[in-house]
Amino acid sequence: MKKLLQFMGGTVIIIVFLTGCAFVKAYLGLPDWETLDKGANSWIGKTKDERIVKKGPPESCSTLKSGGEVCSWVMRGYSSSGGTVNCVPGGACSGGGSSGSSWEHHIIYRYTSEGIAVDWNYRGTWGSRSMADSQKEKAAGVAE
């Protein structure tokens, strides 16, 4: 029985290790820049229409004097003892429990006059970050 418990304890440690830092960061409410960078960078070179089809309409857009546009998508919710509560922009919230802390993530894309995404910025609960920050870290071989 003792050997079985030691084996099971080791298995749990291995499973936690294999699930990676993303799970731990999410559980602790820490920034997961690697996941954010990957997701945000995946939209560079794609059209605003493509993003709207997949993610829904932006919360706001502003026209730039250069003829381009910046658009902001926002996610809001709160983390609670009963799990994460996700709120749909302009809609209802679902999941979670009764007490916790709120969070908000803004991802802002800059589009050319042809509607192609060329840059992004993040601001929200985790702080702020840009596509340039992501590229600098990648070039330096830094992983957070």
C-alpha atoms as a PDB file:
ATOM      1  CA  MET A   1       0.000   0.000   0.000  1.00  0.00           C
ATOM      2  CA  LYS A   2       2.846   2.366   0.893  1.00  0.00           C
ATOM      3  CA  LYS A   3       4.511   1.761  -2.489  1.00  0.00           C
ATOM      4  CA  LEU A   4       1.204   2.402  -4.273  1.00  0.00           C
ATOM      5  CA  LEU A   5       0.779   5.742  -2.483  1.00  0.00           C
ATOM      6  CA  GLN A   6       4.375   6.715  -3.305  1.00  0.00           C
ATOM      7  CA  PHE A   7       3.757   5.792  -6.952  1.00  0.00           C
ATOM      8  CA  MET A   8       0.483   7.756  -7.021  1.00  0.00           C
ATOM      9  CA  GLY A   9       2.149  10.787  -5.411  1.00  0.00           C
ATOM     10  CA  GLY A  10       4.907  10.680  -8.023  1.00  0.00           C
ATOM     11  CA  THR A  11       2.321  10.337 -10.774  1.00  0.00           C
ATOM     12  CA  VAL A  12       0.455  13.421  -9.537  1.00  0.00           C
ATOM     13  CA  ILE A  13       3.688  15.420  -9.501  1.00  0.00           C
ATOM     14  CA  ILE A  14       4.496  14.298 -13.051  1.00  0.00           C
ATOM     15  CA  ILE A  15       0.990  15.152 -14.268  1.00  0.00           C
ATOM     16  CA  VAL A  16       1.185  18.619 -12.695  1.00  0.00           C
ATOM     17  CA  PHE A  17       4.612  19.109 -14.286  1.00  0.00           C
ATOM     18  CA  LEU A  18       3.377  17.991 -17.708  1.00  0.00           C
ATOM     19  CA  THR A  19       0.318  20.244 -17.656  1.00  0.00           C
ATOM     20  CA  GLY A  20       2.788  23.096 -17.686  1.00  0.00           C
ATOM     21  CA  CYS A  21       3.068  26.600 -16.443  1.00  0.00           C
ATOM     22  CA  ALA A  22       0.023  27.879 -18.345  1.00  0.00           C
ATOM     23  CA  PHE A  23      -2.341  26.016 -16.008  1.00  0.00           C
ATOM     24  CA  VAL A  24      -0.501  27.184 -12.895  1.00  0.00           C
ATOM     25  CA  LYS A  25      -0.370  30.783 -14.146  1.00  0.00           C
ATOM     26  CA  ALA A  26      -4.075  30.759 -14.973  1.00  0.00           C
ATOM     27  CA  TYR A  27      -4.926  29.235 -11.598  1.00  0.00           C
ATOM     28  CA  LEU A  28      -2.889  31.895  -9.779  1.00  0.00           C
ATOM     29  CA  GLY A  29      -4.128  34.715 -12.020  1.00  0.00           C
ATOM     30  CA  LEU A  30      -0.615  35.441 -13.310  1.00  0.00           C
ATOM     31  CA  PRO A  31       0.102  36.725 -16.825  1.00  0.00           C
ATOM     32  CA  ASP A  32       0.559  34.027 -19.441  1.00  0.00           C
ATOM     33  CA  TRP A  33       2.396  36.145 -22.008  1.00  0.00           C
ATOM     34  CA  GLU A  34       3.412  33.135 -24.097  1.00  0.00           C
ATOM     35  CA  THR A  35      -0.217  32.167 -24.747  1.00  0.00           C
ATOM     36  CA  LEU A  36      -1.253  35.791 -25.273  1.00  0.00           C
ATOM     37  CA  ASP A  37       1.587  36.370 -27.763  1.00  0.00           C
ATOM     38  CA  LYS A  38       0.767  33.218 -29.709  1.00  0.00           C
ATOM     39  CA  GLY A  39      -2.926  34.097 -29.960  1.00  0.00           C
ATOM     40  CA  ALA A  40      -2.422  37.784 -30.767  1.00  0.00           C
ATOM     41  CA  ASN A  41       0.327  37.128 -33.319  1.00  0.00           C
ATOM     42  CA  SER A  42      -1.863  34.576 -35.110  1.00  0.00           C
ATOM     43  CA  TRP A  43      -4.114  37.426 -36.346  1.00  0.00           C
ATOM     44  CA  ILE A  44      -1.306  39.505 -37.883  1.00  0.00           C
ATOM     45  CA  GLY A  45      -1.682  39.533 -41.673  1.00  0.00           C
ATOM     46  CA  LYS A  46      -5.354  38.567 -41.464  1.00  0.00           C
ATOM     47  CA  THR A  47      -8.322  40.805 -42.174  1.00  0.00           C
ATOM     48  CA  LYS A  48     -10.571  42.497 -39.680  1.00  0.00           C
ATOM     49  CA  ASP A  49     -13.475  40.588 -41.253  1.00  0.00           C
ATOM     50  CA  GLU A  50     -11.764  37.253 -40.505  1.00  0.00           C
ATOM     51  CA  ARG A  51     -11.400  38.223 -36.837  1.00  0.00           C
ATOM     52  CA  ILE A  52     -15.020  39.364 -36.614  1.00  0.00           C
ATOM     53  CA  VAL A  53     -16.212  36.055 -38.050  1.00  0.00           C
ATOM     54  CA  LYS A  54     -14.209  34.083 -35.427  1.00  0.00           C
ATOM     55  CA  LYS A  55     -14.309  36.393 -32.375  1.00  0.00           C
ATOM     56  CA  GLY A  56     -17.344  38.584 -32.913  1.00  0.00           C
ATOM     57  CA  PRO A  57     -17.504  42.337 -33.434  1.00  0.00           C
ATOM     58  CA  PRO A  58     -15.009  44.600 -31.657  1.00  0.00           C
ATOM     59  CA  GLU A  59     -16.170  46.710 -28.749  1.00  0.00           C
ATOM     60  CA  SER A  60     -14.918  49.820 -30.516  1.00  0.00           C
ATOM     61  CA  CYS A  61     -13.006  51.023 -33.594  1.00  0.00           C
ATOM     62  CA  SER A  62     -11.417  54.366 -34.448  1.00  0.00           C
ATOM     63  CA  THR A  63     -10.312  55.597 -37.864  1.00  0.00           C
ATOM     64  CA  LEU A  64      -6.729  56.848 -38.131  1.00  0.00           C
ATOM     65  CA  LYS A  65      -5.664  59.863 -40.195  1.00  0.00           C
ATOM     66  CA  SER A  66      -3.409  57.502 -42.159  1.00  0.00           C
ATOM     67  CA  GLY A  67      -6.538  55.744 -43.415  1.00  0.00           C
ATOM     68  CA  GLY A  68      -6.094  52.732 -41.176  1.00  0.00           C
ATOM     69  CA  GLU A  69      -8.105  51.783 -38.144  1.00  0.00           C
ATOM     70  CA  VAL A  70      -7.640  50.490 -34.592  1.00  0.00           C
ATOM     71  CA  CYS A  71     -10.181  48.105 -33.078  1.00  0.00           C
ATOM     72  CA  SER A  72     -10.484  46.808 -29.524  1.00  0.00           C
ATOM     73  CA  TRP A  73     -11.869  43.462 -28.414  1.00  0.00           C
ATOM     74  CA  VAL A  74     -12.576  43.164 -24.681  1.00  0.00           C
ATOM     75  CA  MET A  75     -13.077  40.140 -22.451  1.00  0.00           C
ATOM     76  CA  ARG A  76     -14.398  40.615 -18.916  1.00  0.00           C
ATOM     77  CA  GLY A  77     -15.215  38.297 -16.081  1.00  0.00           C
ATOM     78  CA  TYR A  78     -14.246  37.286 -12.607  1.00  0.00           C
ATOM     79  CA  SER A  79     -12.489  34.396 -10.958  1.00  0.00           C
ATOM     80  CA  SER A  80     -14.170  32.898  -7.948  1.00  0.00           C
ATOM     81  CA  SER A  81     -14.024  29.994  -5.556  1.00  0.00           C
ATOM     82  CA  GLY A  82     -16.456  28.197  -7.871  1.00  0.00           C
ATOM     83  CA  GLY A  83     -14.338  28.699 -11.000  1.00  0.00           C
ATOM     84  CA  THR A  84     -13.933  31.331 -13.674  1.00  0.00           C
ATOM     85  CA  VAL A  85     -16.902  33.406 -14.759  1.00  0.00           C
ATOM     86  CA  ASN A  86     -16.830  34.580 -18.360  1.00  0.00           C
ATOM     87  CA  CYS A  87     -18.861  37.550 -19.524  1.00  0.00           C
ATOM     88  CA  VAL A  88     -19.819  38.039 -23.159  1.00  0.00           C
ATOM     89  CA  PRO A  89     -19.485  41.688 -24.273  1.00  0.00           C
ATOM     90  CA  GLY A  90     -22.922  43.239 -24.036  1.00  0.00           C
ATOM     91  CA  GLY A  91     -24.322  39.952 -22.733  1.00  0.00           C
ATOM     92  CA  ALA A  92     -24.675  37.751 -19.715  1.00  0.00           C
ATOM     93  CA  CYS A  93     -22.086  36.033 -17.512  1.00  0.00           C
ATOM     94  CA  SER A  94     -21.913  32.301 -16.861  1.00  0.00           C
ATOM     95  CA  GLY A  95     -20.118  29.884 -14.538  1.00  0.00           C
ATOM     96  CA  GLY A  96     -18.263  30.321 -11.259  1.00  0.00           C
ATOM     97  CA  GLY A  97     -19.303  30.977  -7.696  1.00  0.00           C
ATOM     98  CA  SER A  98     -20.303  33.904  -5.554  1.00  0.00           C
ATOM     99  CA  SER A  99     -17.055  35.606  -4.464  1.00  0.00           C
ATOM    100  CA  GLY A 100     -13.843  36.432  -6.272  1.00  0.00           C
ATOM    101  CA  SER A 101     -11.961  39.088  -8.219  1.00  0.00           C
ATOM    102  CA  SER A 102     -12.778  40.694 -11.554  1.00  0.00           C
ATOM    103  CA  TRP A 103     -10.537  40.700 -14.618  1.00  0.00           C
ATOM    104  CA  GLU A 104     -10.523  42.506 -17.948  1.00  0.00           C
ATOM    105  CA  HIS A 105      -8.426  41.989 -21.078  1.00  0.00           C
ATOM    106  CA  HIS A 106      -8.279  44.442 -24.016  1.00  0.00           C
ATOM    107  CA  ILE A 107      -6.606  43.358 -27.245  1.00  0.00           C
ATOM    108  CA  ILE A 108      -6.236  46.201 -29.718  1.00  0.00           C
ATOM    109  CA  TYR A 109      -5.316  45.615 -33.369  1.00  0.00           C
ATOM    110  CA  ARG A 110      -4.122  48.207 -35.850  1.00  0.00           C
ATOM    111  CA  TYR A 111      -5.372  47.653 -39.402  1.00  0.00           C
ATOM    112  CA  THR A 112      -4.195  49.070 -42.715  1.00  0.00           C
ATOM    113  CA  SER A 113      -6.627  50.935 -44.973  1.00  0.00           C
ATOM    114  CA  GLU A 114      -7.144  47.545 -46.693  1.00  0.00           C
ATOM    115  CA  GLY A 115      -8.247  46.023 -43.373  1.00  0.00           C
ATOM    116  CA  ILE A 116      -5.130  43.882 -42.724  1.00  0.00           C
ATOM    117  CA  ALA A 117      -3.881  43.536 -39.106  1.00  0.00           C
ATOM    118  CA  VAL A 118      -0.307  44.825 -38.766  1.00  0.00           C
ATOM    119  CA  ASP A 119       0.163  45.376 -35.027  1.00  0.00           C
ATOM    120  CA  TRP A 120      -1.401  44.637 -31.640  1.00  0.00           C
ATOM    121  CA  ASN A 121      -1.361  45.907 -28.061  1.00  0.00           C
ATOM    122  CA  TYR A 122      -2.725  44.406 -24.867  1.00  0.00           C
ATOM    123  CA  ARG A 123      -3.808  46.184 -21.725  1.00  0.00           C
ATOM    124  CA  GLY A 124      -5.734  44.813 -18.832  1.00  0.00           C
ATOM    125  CA  THR A 125      -5.541  42.936 -15.584  1.00  0.00           C
ATOM    126  CA  TRP A 126      -2.100  41.540 -16.428  1.00  0.00           C
ATOM    127  CA  GLY A 127      -0.616  44.959 -17.253  1.00  0.00           C
ATOM    128  CA  SER A 128       0.349  45.960 -20.782  1.00  0.00           C
ATOM    129  CA  ARG A 129       2.214  44.347 -23.656  1.00  0.00           C
ATOM    130  CA  SER A 130       2.742  44.951 -27.359  1.00  0.00           C
ATOM    131  CA  MET A 131       3.684  43.008 -30.435  1.00  0.00           C
ATOM    132  CA  ALA A 132       7.094  44.729 -30.207  1.00  0.00           C
ATOM    133  CA  ASP A 133       7.573  43.322 -26.656  1.00  0.00           C
ATOM    134  CA  SER A 134       6.765  39.862 -27.956  1.00  0.00           C
ATOM    135  CA  GLN A 135       9.221  40.177 -30.844  1.00  0.00           C
ATOM    136  CA  LYS A 136      12.029  41.496 -28.598  1.00  0.00           C
ATOM    137  CA  GLU A 137      11.666  38.573 -26.197  1.00  0.00           C
ATOM    138  CA  LYS A 138      11.519  36.054 -29.032  1.00  0.00           C
ATOM    139  CA  ALA A 139      14.673  37.513 -30.599  1.00  0.00           C
ATOM    140  CA  ALA A 140      16.453  37.438 -27.222  1.00  0.00           C
ATOM    141  CA  GLY A 141      15.291  33.872 -26.557  1.00  0.00           C
ATOM    142  CA  VAL A 142      13.476  34.919 -23.385  1.00  0.00           C
ATOM    143  CA  ALA A 143      10.516  32.817 -22.272  1.00  0.00           C
ATOM    144  CA  GLU A 144       8.299  33.829 -19.377  1.00  0.00           C
END
